[in-house]
Protein backbone atom coordinates (compact mmCIF):
# COMPACT_ATOMS: atom_id res chain seq x y z
CA UNK A 1 -55.20 -77.87 13.35
CA UNK A 2 -55.96 -80.07 10.65
CA UNK A 3 -55.45 -79.89 6.95
CA UNK A 4 -58.36 -79.10 4.80
CA UNK A 5 -58.71 -82.73 3.82
CA UNK A 6 -58.65 -84.24 7.65
CA UNK A 7 -60.76 -81.96 8.70
CA UNK A 8 -63.29 -82.76 5.86
CA UNK A 9 -62.60 -86.75 7.21
CA UNK A 10 -63.53 -85.73 10.46
CA UNK A 11 -66.07 -83.24 10.72
CA UNK A 12 -69.54 -84.94 9.75
CA UNK A 13 -72.27 -82.22 9.19
CA UNK A 14 -74.16 -81.20 12.00
CA UNK A 15 -71.87 -83.23 14.25
CA UNK A 16 -71.70 -82.12 17.78
CA UNK A 17 -68.67 -83.94 18.58
CA UNK A 18 -66.21 -83.13 15.83
CA UNK A 19 -66.47 -79.91 13.88
CA UNK A 20 -64.55 -76.95 12.40
CA UNK A 21 -63.93 -73.88 14.79
CA UNK A 22 -66.64 -71.25 13.29
CA UNK A 23 -64.98 -68.56 11.10
CA UNK A 24 -61.62 -68.13 9.64
CA UNK A 25 -59.70 -70.16 12.20
CA UNK A 26 -61.85 -73.34 11.09
CA UNK A 27 -61.27 -72.88 7.66
CA UNK A 28 -57.48 -73.07 7.97
CA UNK A 29 -57.88 -76.25 10.15
CA UNK A 30 -58.90 -75.52 13.81
CA UNK A 31 -61.17 -78.14 15.13
CA UNK A 32 -63.21 -78.52 18.00
CA UNK A 33 -63.51 -82.00 19.78
CA UNK A 34 -66.04 -82.81 22.27
CA UNK A 35 -63.37 -85.21 24.50
CA UNK A 36 -66.78 -86.84 26.48
CA UNK A 37 -68.08 -87.67 23.34
CA UNK A 38 -65.50 -88.74 20.43
CA UNK A 39 -63.79 -92.20 20.52
CA UNK A 40 -60.70 -92.52 22.01
CA UNK A 41 -59.11 -93.97 18.52
CA UNK A 42 -60.58 -91.11 16.65
CA UNK A 43 -58.77 -88.56 18.60
CA UNK A 44 -55.66 -90.46 18.25
CA UNK A 45 -55.76 -90.50 14.44
CA UNK A 46 -56.81 -86.45 14.43
CA UNK A 47 -53.52 -85.71 16.34
CA UNK A 48 -51.34 -88.08 14.53
CA UNK A 49 -52.35 -86.21 11.24
CA UNK A 50 -52.30 -82.81 13.15
CA UNK A 51 -48.79 -83.69 14.03
CA UNK A 52 -47.94 -84.63 10.77
CA UNK A 53 -49.14 -81.09 9.28
CA UNK A 54 -46.74 -79.63 11.63
CA UNK A 55 -43.94 -81.40 11.11
CA UNK A 56 -44.28 -80.91 6.88
CA UNK A 57 -44.97 -77.20 7.85
CA UNK A 58 -41.61 -76.92 9.53
CA UNK A 59 -39.65 -78.74 6.90
CA UNK A 60 -40.57 -75.85 4.27
């Protein structure tokens, strides 16, 4: 789960590697990643961003 800003950075139009989950889950940040095609560095960045989102939510 990414925040909308991070999701817009990582999900390029017509990408088959990283893209929002279709439906309302995707609008809330749920994101598919094709791990066979995605670069390790990008996946690490995305996981860090998602983790930071969760830790901020837990503090509220």
